[in-house]
Amino acid sequence: MQVVGICSLCGKAGRMNTCSLCGAIVCSDCYYTPKGVCKSCKNKVSRKVI
C-alpha cells in the first residue's frame, strides 16, 4: 500500500510503502518490492528462506 509521508528509515519525504512484516512506512529506496518488506526486514526474510 502506498501513502504520502516521511520514511521511517531514512527520513525522505514523498510516496511511501508499508512493510508487510513490521508495518514501517518507508520510501521506495528503503523498500524491497519483490518481498513487500523494508530493507531492515529484507535481511530477516532472506535468512529464514535460506
C-alpha atoms as a PDB file:
ATOM      1  CA  MET A   1       0.000   0.000   0.000  1.00  0.00           C
ATOM      2  CA  GLN A   2       1.324   3.463  -0.859  1.00  0.00           C
ATOM      3  CA  VAL A   3       0.841   6.556   1.299  1.00  0.00           C
ATOM      4  CA  VAL A   4       2.399  10.031   1.436  1.00  0.00           C
ATOM      5  CA  GLY A   5       4.685  10.721   4.378  1.00  0.00           C
ATOM      6  CA  ILE A   6       8.232  10.540   5.718  1.00  0.00           C
ATOM      7  CA  CYS A   7      10.342   7.378   5.543  1.00  0.00           C
ATOM      8  CA  SER A   8      10.893   5.857   8.984  1.00  0.00           C
ATOM      9  CA  LEU A   9      14.338   4.568   7.938  1.00  0.00           C
ATOM     10  CA  CYS A  10      15.991   7.430   6.014  1.00  0.00           C
ATOM     11  CA  GLY A  11      13.702  10.437   6.612  1.00  0.00           C
ATOM     12  CA  LYS A  12      12.938  11.086   2.925  1.00  0.00           C
ATOM     13  CA  ALA A  13       9.541  12.685   2.212  1.00  0.00           C
ATOM     14  CA  GLY A  14       7.171  11.566  -0.561  1.00  0.00           C
ATOM     15  CA  ARG A  15       5.253   8.453  -1.598  1.00  0.00           C
ATOM     16  CA  MET A  16       5.758   5.642   0.890  1.00  0.00           C
ATOM     17  CA  ASN A  17       5.181   1.894   1.072  1.00  0.00           C
ATOM     18  CA  THR A  18       4.221  -0.104   4.134  1.00  0.00           C
ATOM     19  CA  CYS A  19       6.363  -3.079   5.170  1.00  0.00           C
ATOM     20  CA  SER A  20       4.239  -6.219   5.375  1.00  0.00           C
ATOM     21  CA  LEU A  21       6.295  -7.585   8.294  1.00  0.00           C
ATOM     22  CA  CYS A  22       6.938  -4.695  10.698  1.00  0.00           C
ATOM     23  CA  GLY A  23       4.476  -2.090   9.386  1.00  0.00           C
ATOM     24  CA  ALA A  24       7.158   0.577   8.862  1.00  0.00           C
ATOM     25  CA  ILE A  25       6.366   3.368   6.422  1.00  0.00           C
ATOM     26  CA  VAL A  26       9.334   3.533   4.023  1.00  0.00           C
ATOM     27  CA  CYS A  27      10.329   5.198   0.718  1.00  0.00           C
ATOM     28  CA  SER A  28      10.973   3.271  -2.479  1.00  0.00           C
ATOM     29  CA  ASP A  29      14.738   3.313  -1.787  1.00  0.00           C
ATOM     30  CA  CYS A  30      14.178   1.540   1.545  1.00  0.00           C
ATOM     31  CA  TYR A  31      11.508  -0.875   0.252  1.00  0.00           C
ATOM     32  CA  TYR A  32      12.221  -4.316  -1.236  1.00  0.00           C
ATOM     33  CA  THR A  33       9.343  -4.723  -3.695  1.00  0.00           C
ATOM     34  CA  PRO A  34       9.751  -8.462  -4.556  1.00  0.00           C
ATOM     35  CA  LYS A  35       9.045  -9.445  -0.941  1.00  0.00           C
ATOM     36  CA  GLY A  36       6.958  -6.410   0.091  1.00  0.00           C
ATOM     37  CA  VAL A  37       9.203  -5.591   3.036  1.00  0.00           C
ATOM     38  CA  CYS A  38      11.533  -2.797   4.175  1.00  0.00           C
ATOM     39  CA  LYS A  39      15.297  -3.170   3.847  1.00  0.00           C
ATOM     40  CA  SER A  40      15.565  -3.922   7.585  1.00  0.00           C
ATOM     41  CA  CYS A  41      13.176  -6.871   7.278  1.00  0.00           C
ATOM     42  CA  LYS A  42      14.667  -7.985   3.942  1.00  0.00           C
ATOM     43  CA  ASN A  43      17.657  -9.452   5.777  1.00  0.00           C
ATOM     44  CA  LYS A  44      15.374 -11.277   8.222  1.00  0.00           C
ATOM     45  CA  VAL A  45      13.318 -12.763   5.370  1.00  0.00           C
ATOM     46  CA  SER A  46      16.453 -13.795   3.438  1.00  0.00           C
ATOM     47  CA  ARG A  47      17.892 -15.609   6.465  1.00  0.00           C
ATOM     48  CA  LYS A  48      14.675 -17.562   7.059  1.00  0.00           C
ATOM     49  CA  VAL A  49      14.403 -18.690   3.431  1.00  0.00           C
ATOM     50  CA  ILE A  50      17.997 -19.876   3.017  1.00  0.00           C
END
